[in-house]
Amino acid sequence: MLLSSPDTMVSFKYWDECVDHEDMEAMWNRPAVRKEWTDVGESQGQKVHLSRDPDGQPYLTQTEMRVGNLNNISSIVYRH
């Protein structure tokens, strides 16, 4: 899933550029997201890289989408 449409393509590199601090904390507080992010080398307190598809387009992982829906984060990300 793309974080923006081709018409309004905005190139974000980090989650921290898409959501505010409280939303990042909410994501880190979800065990599934924490595990996914730490498994790929991310650290709390540092900027978290967005996942990229083979073409370099950012996307939300299934875990991020599931948890984002619970925290209403997916709508925040898609606004940007």
Protein backbone atom coordinates (compact mmCIF):
# COMPACT_ATOMS: atom_id res chain seq x y z
CA MET A 1 0.00 0.00 0.00
CA LEU A 2 1.40 3.39 -0.96
CA LEU A 3 1.49 6.18 1.57
CA SER A 4 0.49 8.71 -1.06
CA SER A 5 -1.02 8.65 -4.51
CA PRO A 6 1.11 9.37 -7.59
CA ASP A 7 -0.76 12.69 -7.98
CA THR A 8 0.38 13.90 -4.59
CA MET A 9 3.58 11.90 -4.26
CA VAL A 10 5.41 12.97 -1.15
CA SER A 11 8.55 11.10 -0.37
CA PHE A 12 8.79 10.32 3.31
CA LYS A 13 11.75 8.34 4.56
CA TYR A 14 10.80 7.96 8.21
CA TRP A 15 7.63 7.25 10.17
CA ASP A 16 8.52 10.24 12.32
CA GLU A 17 7.94 12.53 9.32
CA CYS A 18 4.38 11.22 8.90
CA VAL A 19 3.02 11.06 12.44
CA ASP A 20 3.44 13.05 15.61
CA HIS A 21 5.38 12.01 18.69
CA GLU A 22 2.34 10.64 20.54
CA ASP A 23 1.42 8.41 17.61
CA MET A 24 4.99 7.10 17.43
CA GLU A 25 4.85 6.28 21.13
CA ALA A 26 1.53 4.49 20.60
CA MET A 27 3.08 2.42 17.80
CA TRP A 28 6.16 1.55 19.90
CA ASN A 29 3.88 0.50 22.77
CA ARG A 30 2.27 -2.20 20.60
CA PRO A 31 4.26 -5.43 21.08
CA ALA A 32 3.79 -6.58 17.46
CA VAL A 33 5.11 -3.30 16.06
CA ARG A 34 7.95 -3.12 18.58
CA LYS A 35 9.03 -6.65 17.61
CA GLU A 36 8.77 -5.95 13.88
CA TRP A 37 10.74 -2.74 14.11
CA THR A 38 13.43 -4.06 16.46
CA ASP A 39 13.80 -7.21 14.33
CA VAL A 40 14.87 -5.01 11.41
CA GLY A 41 17.24 -2.92 13.53
CA GLU A 42 15.10 0.06 14.50
CA SER A 43 15.53 1.55 17.98
CA GLN A 44 13.05 3.48 20.06
CA GLY A 45 14.14 7.10 20.31
CA GLN A 46 15.64 7.02 16.81
CA LYS A 47 13.83 7.76 13.55
CA VAL A 48 12.02 4.69 12.19
CA HIS A 49 12.45 3.98 8.48
CA LEU A 50 9.35 3.37 6.37
CA SER A 51 9.30 0.03 4.59
CA ARG A 52 9.93 0.20 0.84
CA ASP A 53 8.79 -2.09 -1.96
CA PRO A 54 11.24 -3.25 -4.68
CA ASP A 55 10.45 -0.07 -6.68
CA GLY A 56 11.38 2.09 -3.70
CA GLN A 57 7.82 3.13 -2.88
CA PRO A 58 6.92 3.37 0.83
CA TYR A 59 4.27 1.04 2.19
CA LEU A 60 2.73 -0.01 5.48
CA THR A 61 3.40 -3.55 6.63
CA GLN A 62 0.46 -5.72 7.63
CA THR A 63 1.42 -5.28 11.27
CA GLU A 64 1.57 -1.48 10.94
CA MET A 65 -1.79 -1.42 9.17
CA ARG A 66 -3.44 -3.62 11.80
CA VAL A 67 -2.09 -1.61 14.69
CA GLY A 68 -2.44 1.69 12.84
CA ASN A 69 -6.14 1.04 12.39
CA LEU A 70 -6.45 0.49 16.12
CA ASN A 71 -4.66 3.77 16.79
CA ASN A 72 -6.22 5.61 13.81
CA ILE A 73 -2.69 6.10 12.48
CA SER A 74 -3.41 4.92 8.93
CA SER A 75 -5.67 7.91 8.35
CA ILE A 76 -2.99 10.23 9.67
CA VAL A 77 -0.37 8.76 7.34
CA TYR A 78 -2.65 8.93 4.30
CA ARG A 79 -3.47 12.61 5.00
CA HIS A 80 0.15 13.42 4.30
